[in-house]
Full PDB file with SEQRES, HELIX, SHEET, SSBOND, CRYST1, ORIGX, SCALE, CONECT and MASTER records, all heavy atoms in Angstrom:
SEQRES   1 A   31  LYS PRO GLU ASP THR ALA VAL TYR TYR CYS ALA ALA ARG          
SEQRES   2 A   31  SER ARG TYR SER ILE MET SER TYR THR ALA THR ARG SER          
SEQRES   3 A   31  ASP GLU TYR ASP TYR                                          
HELIX    1 AA1 PRO A    2  ASP A    4  5                                   3    
HELIX    2 AA2 SER A   26  GLU A   28  5                                   3    
CRYST1    1.000    1.000    1.000  90.00  90.00  90.00 P 1           1          
ORIGX1      1.000000  0.000000  0.000000        0.00000                         
ORIGX2      0.000000  1.000000  0.000000        0.00000                         
ORIGX3      0.000000  0.000000  1.000000        0.00000                         
SCALE1      1.000000  0.000000  0.000000        0.00000                         
SCALE2      0.000000  1.000000  0.000000        0.00000                         
SCALE3      0.000000  0.000000  1.000000        0.00000                         
ATOM      1  N   LYS A   1     148.165  77.671 113.141  1.00  0.00           N  
ATOM      2  CA  LYS A   1     149.156  78.121 112.173  1.00  0.00           C  
ATOM      3  C   LYS A   1     150.551  77.788 112.692  1.00  0.00           C  
ATOM      4  O   LYS A   1     150.752  77.678 113.912  1.00  0.00           O  
ATOM      5  CB  LYS A   1     149.043  79.638 111.989  1.00  0.00           C  
ATOM      6  CG  LYS A   1     147.667  80.132 111.576  1.00  0.00           C  
ATOM      7  CD  LYS A   1     147.628  81.640 111.520  1.00  0.00           C  
ATOM      8  CE  LYS A   1     146.243  82.134 111.131  1.00  0.00           C  
ATOM      9  NZ  LYS A   1     146.187  83.631 111.079  1.00  0.00           N  
ATOM     10  N   PRO A   2     151.522  77.671 111.792  1.00  0.00           N  
ATOM     11  CA  PRO A   2     152.894  77.399 112.253  1.00  0.00           C  
ATOM     12  C   PRO A   2     153.382  78.424 113.277  1.00  0.00           C  
ATOM     13  O   PRO A   2     154.137  78.062 114.193  1.00  0.00           O  
ATOM     14  CB  PRO A   2     153.702  77.449 110.958  1.00  0.00           C  
ATOM     15  CG  PRO A   2     152.740  77.006 109.909  1.00  0.00           C  
ATOM     16  CD  PRO A   2     151.422  77.602 110.321  1.00  0.00           C  
ATOM     17  N   GLU A   3     152.942  79.652 113.163  1.00  0.00           N  
ATOM     18  CA  GLU A   3     153.389  80.681 114.109  1.00  0.00           C  
ATOM     19  C   GLU A   3     152.775  80.526 115.491  1.00  0.00           C  
ATOM     20  O   GLU A   3     153.138  81.259 116.423  1.00  0.00           O  
ATOM     21  CB  GLU A   3     153.095  82.088 113.565  1.00  0.00           C  
ATOM     22  CG  GLU A   3     151.679  82.315 113.094  1.00  0.00           C  
ATOM     23  CD  GLU A   3     151.531  82.126 111.586  1.00  0.00           C  
ATOM     24  OE1 GLU A   3     152.109  81.157 111.029  1.00  0.00           O  
ATOM     25  OE2 GLU A   3     150.814  82.938 110.966  1.00  0.00           O  
ATOM     26  N   ASP A   4     151.857  79.596 115.664  1.00  0.00           N  
ATOM     27  CA  ASP A   4     151.324  79.277 116.989  1.00  0.00           C  
ATOM     28  C   ASP A   4     152.235  78.315 117.750  1.00  0.00           C  
ATOM     29  O   ASP A   4     151.980  78.033 118.930  1.00  0.00           O  
ATOM     30  CB  ASP A   4     149.928  78.657 116.878  1.00  0.00           C  
ATOM     31  CG  ASP A   4     148.897  79.619 116.319  1.00  0.00           C  
ATOM     32  OD1 ASP A   4     148.908  80.805 116.718  1.00  0.00           O  
ATOM     33  OD2 ASP A   4     148.080  79.179 115.489  1.00  0.00           O  
ATOM     34  N   THR A   5     153.256  77.814 117.087  1.00  0.00           N  
ATOM     35  CA  THR A   5     154.182  76.886 117.735  1.00  0.00           C  
ATOM     36  C   THR A   5     154.876  77.555 118.914  1.00  0.00           C  
ATOM     37  O   THR A   5     155.470  78.624 118.774  1.00  0.00           O  
ATOM     38  CB  THR A   5     155.225  76.389 116.728  1.00  0.00           C  
ATOM     39  OG1 THR A   5     154.569  75.610 115.717  1.00  0.00           O  
ATOM     40  CG2 THR A   5     156.292  75.545 117.413  1.00  0.00           C  
ATOM     41  N   ALA A   6     154.777  76.930 120.072  1.00  0.00           N  
ATOM     42  CA  ALA A   6     155.339  77.502 121.305  1.00  0.00           C  
ATOM     43  C   ALA A   6     155.092  76.541 122.450  1.00  0.00           C  
ATOM     44  O   ALA A   6     154.328  75.574 122.318  1.00  0.00           O  
ATOM     45  CB  ALA A   6     154.696  78.846 121.618  1.00  0.00           C  
ATOM     46  N   VAL A   7     155.716  76.840 123.572  1.00  0.00           N  
ATOM     47  CA  VAL A   7     155.332  76.212 124.835  1.00  0.00           C  
ATOM     48  C   VAL A   7     154.220  77.072 125.439  1.00  0.00           C  
ATOM     49  O   VAL A   7     154.379  78.283 125.575  1.00  0.00           O  
ATOM     50  CB  VAL A   7     156.515  76.098 125.807  1.00  0.00           C  
ATOM     51  CG1 VAL A   7     156.045  75.505 127.143  1.00  0.00           C  
ATOM     52  CG2 VAL A   7     157.625  75.258 125.205  1.00  0.00           C  
ATOM     53  N   TYR A   8     153.118  76.430 125.775  1.00  0.00           N  
ATOM     54  CA  TYR A   8     151.956  77.128 126.319  1.00  0.00           C  
ATOM     55  C   TYR A   8     151.895  76.916 127.829  1.00  0.00           C  
ATOM     56  O   TYR A   8     152.015  75.777 128.316  1.00  0.00           O  
ATOM     57  CB  TYR A   8     150.677  76.632 125.659  1.00  0.00           C  
ATOM     58  CG  TYR A   8     150.483  77.194 124.273  1.00  0.00           C  
ATOM     59  CD1 TYR A   8     151.293  76.781 123.221  1.00  0.00           C  
ATOM     60  CD2 TYR A   8     149.515  78.161 124.022  1.00  0.00           C  
ATOM     61  CE1 TYR A   8     151.139  77.318 121.953  1.00  0.00           C  
ATOM     62  CE2 TYR A   8     149.350  78.702 122.754  1.00  0.00           C  
ATOM     63  CZ  TYR A   8     150.173  78.275 121.725  1.00  0.00           C  
ATOM     64  OH  TYR A   8     150.019  78.808 120.467  1.00  0.00           O  
ATOM     65  N   TYR A   9     151.690  78.012 128.544  1.00  0.00           N  
ATOM     66  CA  TYR A   9     151.645  77.989 129.996  1.00  0.00           C  
ATOM     67  C   TYR A   9     150.282  78.493 130.476  1.00  0.00           C  
ATOM     68  O   TYR A   9     149.776  79.497 129.960  1.00  0.00           O  
ATOM     69  CB  TYR A   9     152.708  78.900 130.587  1.00  0.00           C  
ATOM     70  CG  TYR A   9     154.128  78.525 130.251  1.00  0.00           C  
ATOM     71  CD1 TYR A   9     154.743  79.036 129.110  1.00  0.00           C  
ATOM     72  CD2 TYR A   9     154.854  77.674 131.076  1.00  0.00           C  
ATOM     73  CE1 TYR A   9     156.050  78.698 128.797  1.00  0.00           C  
ATOM     74  CE2 TYR A   9     156.164  77.334 130.774  1.00  0.00           C  
ATOM     75  CZ  TYR A   9     156.755  77.852 129.627  1.00  0.00           C  
ATOM     76  OH  TYR A   9     158.043  77.511 129.326  1.00  0.00           O  
ATOM     77  N   CYS A  10     149.748  77.830 131.485  1.00  0.00           N  
ATOM     78  CA  CYS A  10     148.571  78.395 132.132  1.00  0.00           C  
ATOM     79  C   CYS A  10     149.010  79.097 133.407  1.00  0.00           C  
ATOM     80  O   CYS A  10     150.052  78.778 133.992  1.00  0.00           O  
ATOM     81  CB  CYS A  10     147.507  77.345 132.427  1.00  0.00           C  
ATOM     82  SG  CYS A  10     147.921  76.114 133.664  1.00  0.00           S  
ATOM     83  N   ALA A  11     148.217  80.070 133.822  1.00  0.00           N  
ATOM     84  CA  ALA A  11     148.550  80.886 134.976  1.00  0.00           C  
ATOM     85  C   ALA A  11     147.290  81.225 135.759  1.00  0.00           C  
ATOM     86  O   ALA A  11     146.201  81.335 135.177  1.00  0.00           O  
ATOM     87  CB  ALA A  11     149.264  82.161 134.536  1.00  0.00           C  
ATOM     88  N   ALA A  12     147.461  81.397 137.063  1.00  0.00           N  
ATOM     89  CA  ALA A  12     146.347  81.748 137.940  1.00  0.00           C  
ATOM     90  C   ALA A  12     146.703  82.988 138.744  1.00  0.00           C  
ATOM     91  O   ALA A  12     147.843  83.173 139.169  1.00  0.00           O  
ATOM     92  CB  ALA A  12     146.026  80.580 138.881  1.00  0.00           C  
ATOM     93  N   ARG A  13     145.691  83.797 138.944  1.00  0.00           N  
ATOM     94  CA  ARG A  13     145.873  85.064 139.639  1.00  0.00           C  
ATOM     95  C   ARG A  13     145.033  85.032 140.908  1.00  0.00           C  
ATOM     96  O   ARG A  13     143.801  84.967 140.819  1.00  0.00           O  
ATOM     97  CB  ARG A  13     145.417  86.184 138.716  1.00  0.00           C  
ATOM     98  CG  ARG A  13     145.321  87.554 139.307  1.00  0.00           C  
ATOM     99  CD  ARG A  13     144.752  88.520 138.285  1.00  0.00           C  
ATOM    100  NE  ARG A  13     144.381  89.776 138.899  1.00  0.00           N  
ATOM    101  CZ  ARG A  13     145.198  90.797 139.054  1.00  0.00           C  
ATOM    102  NH1 ARG A  13     146.441  90.714 138.609  1.00  0.00           N  
ATOM    103  NH2 ARG A  13     144.784  91.906 139.623  1.00  0.00           N  
ATOM    104  N   SER A  14     145.670  85.081 142.072  1.00  0.00           N  
ATOM    105  CA  SER A  14     144.941  84.992 143.328  1.00  0.00           C  
ATOM    106  C   SER A  14     144.733  86.348 143.988  1.00  0.00           C  
ATOM    107  O   SER A  14     143.888  86.472 144.877  1.00  0.00           O  
ATOM    108  CB  SER A  14     145.675  84.066 144.308  1.00  0.00           C  
ATOM    109  OG  SER A  14     146.941  84.614 144.628  1.00  0.00           O  
ATOM    110  N   ARG A  15     145.488  87.365 143.567  1.00  0.00           N  
ATOM    111  CA  ARG A  15     145.368  88.669 144.214  1.00  0.00           C  
ATOM    112  C   ARG A  15     144.014  89.287 143.877  1.00  0.00           C  
ATOM    113  O   ARG A  15     143.389  88.931 142.887  1.00  0.00           O  
ATOM    114  CB  ARG A  15     146.510  89.583 143.785  1.00  0.00           C  
ATOM    115  CG  ARG A  15     146.475  89.960 142.332  1.00  0.00           C  
ATOM    116  CD  ARG A  15     147.765  90.556 141.864  1.00  0.00           C  
ATOM    117  NE  ARG A  15     148.809  89.576 141.676  1.00  0.00           N  
ATOM    118  CZ  ARG A  15     149.978  89.845 141.122  1.00  0.00           C  
ATOM    119  NH1 ARG A  15     150.248  91.087 140.730  1.00  0.00           N  
ATOM    120  NH2 ARG A  15     150.894  88.918 140.977  1.00  0.00           N  
ATOM    121  N   TYR A  16     143.604  90.247 144.706  1.00  0.00           N  
ATOM    122  CA  TYR A  16     142.272  90.807 144.541  1.00  0.00           C  
ATOM    123  C   TYR A  16     142.126  91.591 143.241  1.00  0.00           C  
ATOM    124  O   TYR A  16     143.030  92.312 142.820  1.00  0.00           O  
ATOM    125  CB  TYR A  16     141.925  91.743 145.702  1.00  0.00           C  
ATOM    126  CG  TYR A  16     140.608  92.434 145.492  1.00  0.00           C  
ATOM    127  CD1 TYR A  16     139.410  91.762 145.733  1.00  0.00           C  
ATOM    128  CD2 TYR A  16     140.551  93.731 144.988  1.00  0.00           C  
ATOM    129  CE1 TYR A  16     138.204  92.380 145.502  1.00  0.00           C  
ATOM    130  CE2 TYR A  16     139.347  94.359 144.754  1.00  0.00           C  
ATOM    131  CZ  TYR A  16     138.173  93.674 145.009  1.00  0.00           C  
ATOM    132  OH  TYR A  16     136.970  94.284 144.768  1.00  0.00           O  
ATOM    133  N   SER A  17     140.985  91.448 142.601  1.00  0.00           N  
ATOM    134  CA  SER A  17     140.588  92.297 141.484  1.00  0.00           C  
ATOM    135  C   SER A  17     139.078  92.218 141.372  1.00  0.00           C  
ATOM    136  O   SER A  17     138.457  91.314 141.943  1.00  0.00           O  
ATOM    137  CB  SER A  17     141.247  91.861 140.179  1.00  0.00           C  
ATOM    138  OG  SER A  17     140.793  90.568 139.809  1.00  0.00           O  
ATOM    139  N   ILE A  18     138.502  93.143 140.652  1.00  0.00           N  
ATOM    140  CA  ILE A  18     137.066  93.059 140.433  1.00  0.00           C  
ATOM    141  C   ILE A  18     136.759  91.817 139.615  1.00  0.00           C  
ATOM    142  O   ILE A  18     137.623  91.302 138.897  1.00  0.00           O  
ATOM    143  CB  ILE A  18     136.522  94.324 139.739  1.00  0.00           C  
ATOM    144  CG1 ILE A  18     137.192  94.540 138.375  1.00  0.00           C  
ATOM    145  CG2 ILE A  18     136.711  95.534 140.644  1.00  0.00           C  
ATOM    146  CD1 ILE A  18     136.607  95.682 137.579  1.00  0.00           C  
ATOM    147  N   MET A  19     135.560  91.333 139.726  1.00  0.00           N  
ATOM    148  CA  MET A  19     135.194  90.042 139.147  1.00  0.00           C  
ATOM    149  C   MET A  19     135.339  90.024 137.632  1.00  0.00           C  
ATOM    150  O   MET A  19     135.550  88.966 137.045  1.00  0.00           O  
ATOM    151  CB  MET A  19     133.774  89.670 139.550  1.00  0.00           C  
ATOM    152  CG  MET A  19     133.600  89.393 141.042  1.00  0.00           C  
ATOM    153  SD  MET A  19     134.571  87.977 141.589  1.00  0.00           S  
ATOM    154  CE  MET A  19     133.587  86.646 140.932  1.00  0.00           C  
ATOM    155  N   SER A  20     135.219  91.183 136.989  1.00  0.00           N  
ATOM    156  CA  SER A  20     135.240  91.219 135.526  1.00  0.00           C  
ATOM    157  C   SER A  20     136.618  91.516 134.940  1.00  0.00           C  
ATOM    158  O   SER A  20     136.767  91.572 133.729  1.00  0.00           O  
ATOM    159  CB  SER A  20     134.254  92.283 135.034  1.00  0.00           C  
ATOM    160  OG  SER A  20     134.640  93.563 135.513  1.00  0.00           O  
ATOM    161  N   TYR A  21     137.617  91.673 135.782  1.00  0.00           N  
ATOM    162  CA  TYR A  21     138.945  92.050 135.288  1.00  0.00           C  
ATOM    163  C   TYR A  21     139.638  90.878 134.587  1.00  0.00           C  
ATOM    164  O   TYR A  21     139.624  89.752 135.083  1.00  0.00           O  
ATOM    165  CB  TYR A  21     139.815  92.539 136.441  1.00  0.00           C  
ATOM    166  CG  TYR A  21     141.188  93.012 136.019  1.00  0.00           C  
ATOM    167  CD1 TYR A  21     141.337  94.172 135.266  1.00  0.00           C  
ATOM    168  CD2 TYR A  21     142.325  92.293 136.361  1.00  0.00           C  
ATOM    169  CE1 TYR A  21     142.585  94.606 134.874  1.00  0.00           C  
ATOM    170  CE2 TYR A  21     143.583  92.717 135.970  1.00  0.00           C  
ATOM    171  CZ  TYR A  21     143.701  93.872 135.224  1.00  0.00           C  
ATOM    172  OH  TYR A  21     144.943  94.304 134.832  1.00  0.00           O  
ATOM    173  N   THR A  22     140.249  91.189 133.442  1.00  0.00           N  
ATOM    174  CA  THR A  22     141.031  90.185 132.723  1.00  0.00           C  
ATOM    175  C   THR A  22     142.485  90.655 132.693  1.00  0.00           C  
ATOM    176  O   THR A  22     142.789  91.709 132.140  1.00  0.00           O  
ATOM    177  CB  THR A  22     140.509  89.992 131.291  1.00  0.00           C  
ATOM    178  OG1 THR A  22     140.368  91.256 130.646  1.00  0.00           O  
ATOM    179  CG2 THR A  22     139.181  89.263 131.288  1.00  0.00           C  
ATOM    180  N   ALA A  23     143.369  89.881 133.297  1.00  0.00           N  
ATOM    181  CA  ALA A  23     144.776  90.245 133.396  1.00  0.00           C  
ATOM    182  C   ALA A  23     145.529  89.765 132.167  1.00  0.00           C  
ATOM    183  O   ALA A  23     145.427  88.587 131.798  1.00  0.00           O  
ATOM    184  CB  ALA A  23     145.381  89.638 134.653  1.00  0.00           C  
ATOM    185  N   THR A  24     146.290  90.658 131.549  1.00  0.00           N  
ATOM    186  CA  THR A  24     146.979  90.327 130.303  1.00  0.00           C  
ATOM    187  C   THR A  24     148.496  90.385 130.403  1.00  0.00           C  
ATOM    188  O   THR A  24     149.178  90.092 129.420  1.00  0.00           O  
ATOM    189  CB  THR A  24     146.512  91.262 129.175  1.00  0.00           C  
ATOM    190  OG1 THR A  24     146.834  92.611 129.533  1.00  0.00           O  
ATOM    191  CG2 THR A  24     145.009  91.137 128.956  1.00  0.00           C  
ATOM    192  N   ARG A  25     149.021  90.755 131.556  1.00  0.00           N  
ATOM    193  CA  ARG A  25     150.470  90.791 131.743  1.00  0.00           C  
ATOM    194  C   ARG A  25     150.902  89.630 132.620  1.00  0.00           C  
ATOM    195  O   ARG A  25     150.229  89.270 133.586  1.00  0.00           O  
ATOM    196  CB  ARG A  25     150.899  92.107 132.386  1.00  0.00           C  
ATOM    197  CG  ARG A  25     150.555  93.350 131.626  1.00  0.00           C  
ATOM    198  CD  ARG A  25     151.331  94.552 132.199  1.00  0.00           C  
ATOM    199  NE  ARG A  25     151.417  94.502 133.643  1.00  0.00           N  
ATOM    200  CZ  ARG A  25     150.534  95.094 134.454  1.00  0.00           C  
ATOM    201  NH1 ARG A  25     149.497  95.731 133.939  1.00  0.00           N  
ATOM    202  NH2 ARG A  25     150.684  95.034 135.757  1.00  0.00           N  
ATOM    203  N   SER A  26     152.075  89.086 132.318  1.00  0.00           N  
ATOM    204  CA  SER A  26     152.553  87.929 133.075  1.00  0.00           C  
ATOM    205  C   SER A  26     152.808  88.285 134.538  1.00  0.00           C  
ATOM    206  O   SER A  26     152.620  87.439 135.423  1.00  0.00           O  
ATOM    207  CB  SER A  26     153.813  87.354 132.439  1.00  0.00           C  
ATOM    208  OG  SER A  26     154.840  88.320 132.391  1.00  0.00           O  
ATOM    209  N   ASP A  27     153.195  89.527 134.815  1.00  0.00           N  
ATOM    210  CA  ASP A  27     153.474  89.891 136.210  1.00  0.00           C  
ATOM    211  C   ASP A  27     152.206  90.075 137.041  1.00  0.00           C  
ATOM    212  O   ASP A  27     152.289  90.337 138.241  1.00  0.00           O  
ATOM    213  CB  ASP A  27     154.358  91.141 136.289  1.00  0.00           C  
ATOM    214  CG  ASP A  27     153.710  92.381 135.703  1.00  0.00           C  
ATOM    215  OD1 ASP A  27     152.550  92.301 135.233  1.00  0.00           O  
ATOM    216  OD2 ASP A  27     154.366  93.432 135.702  1.00  0.00           O  
ATOM    217  N   GLU A  28     151.059  89.910 136.437  1.00  0.00           N  
ATOM    218  CA  GLU A  28     149.801  89.980 137.177  1.00  0.00           C  
ATOM    219  C   GLU A  28     149.376  88.619 137.715  1.00  0.00           C  
ATOM    220  O   GLU A  28     148.371  88.529 138.413  1.00  0.00           O  
ATOM    221  CB  GLU A  28     148.691  90.526 136.277  1.00  0.00           C  
ATOM    222  CG  GLU A  28     148.904  91.966 135.843  1.00  0.00           C  
ATOM    223  CD  GLU A  28     147.714  92.492 135.062  1.00  0.00           C  
ATOM    224  OE1 GLU A  28     147.578  92.139 133.868  1.00  0.00           O  
ATOM    225  OE2 GLU A  28     146.916  93.255 135.643  1.00  0.00           O  
ATOM    226  N   TYR A  29     150.122  87.585 137.387  1.00  0.00           N  
ATOM    227  CA  TYR A  29     149.754  86.232 137.791  1.00  0.00           C  
ATOM    228  C   TYR A  29     150.675  85.708 138.881  1.00  0.00           C  
ATOM    229  O   TYR A  29     151.856  86.057 138.950  1.00  0.00           O  
ATOM    230  CB  TYR A  29     149.779  85.303 136.574  1.00  0.00           C  
ATOM    231  CG  TYR A  29     148.614  85.562 135.653  1.00  0.00           C  
ATOM    232  CD1 TYR A  29     148.703  86.521 134.648  1.00  0.00           C  
ATOM    233  CD2 TYR A  29     147.412  84.882 135.805  1.00  0.00           C  
ATOM    234  CE1 TYR A  29     147.625  86.793 133.819  1.00  0.00           C  
ATOM    235  CE2 TYR A  29     146.336  85.135 134.972  1.00  0.00           C  
ATOM    236  CZ  TYR A  29     146.448  86.094 133.991  1.00  0.00           C  
ATOM    237  OH  TYR A  29     145.379  86.358 133.177  1.00  0.00           O  
ATOM    238  N   ASP A  30     150.097  84.866 139.722  1.00  0.00           N  
ATOM    239  CA  ASP A  30     150.806  84.386 140.912  1.00  0.00           C  
ATOM    240  C   ASP A  30     151.288  82.946 140.802  1.00  0.00           C  
ATOM    241  O   ASP A  30     152.235  82.556 141.480  1.00  0.00           O  
ATOM    242  CB  ASP A  30     149.883  84.510 142.132  1.00  0.00           C  
ATOM    243  CG  ASP A  30     149.408  85.932 142.324  1.00  0.00           C  
ATOM    244  OD1 ASP A  30     150.256  86.814 142.550  1.00  0.00           O  
ATOM    245  OD2 ASP A  30     148.184  86.172 142.228  1.00  0.00           O  
ATOM    246  N   TYR A  31     150.614  82.151 139.996  1.00  0.00           N  
ATOM    247  CA  TYR A  31     150.953  80.725 139.892  1.00  0.00           C  
ATOM    248  C   TYR A  31     151.037  80.349 138.417  1.00  0.00           C  
ATOM    249  O   TYR A  31     150.244  80.815 137.600  1.00  0.00           O  
ATOM    250  CB  TYR A  31     149.896  79.867 140.589  1.00  0.00           C  
ATOM    251  CG  TYR A  31     149.691  80.230 142.041  1.00  0.00           C  
ATOM    252  CD1 TYR A  31     148.607  81.014 142.426  1.00  0.00           C  
ATOM    253  CD2 TYR A  31     150.578  79.817 143.018  1.00  0.00           C  
ATOM    254  CE1 TYR A  31     148.413  81.368 143.746  1.00  0.00           C  
ATOM    255  CE2 TYR A  31     150.390  80.160 144.347  1.00  0.00           C  
ATOM    256  CZ  TYR A  31     149.312  80.938 144.703  1.00  0.00           C  
ATOM    257  OH  TYR A  31     149.124  81.280 146.020  1.00  0.00           O  
TER     258      TYR A  31                                                      
MASTER        0    0    0    2    0    0    0    6  257    1    0    3          
END                                                                             
């Protein structure tokens, strides 16, 4: 949709979490 227009960024999280955790905040990512 037109509202999907944006710059898309990928991010990786290296800090420890349980295997099933899904991080949804930008400050939870390291790279």
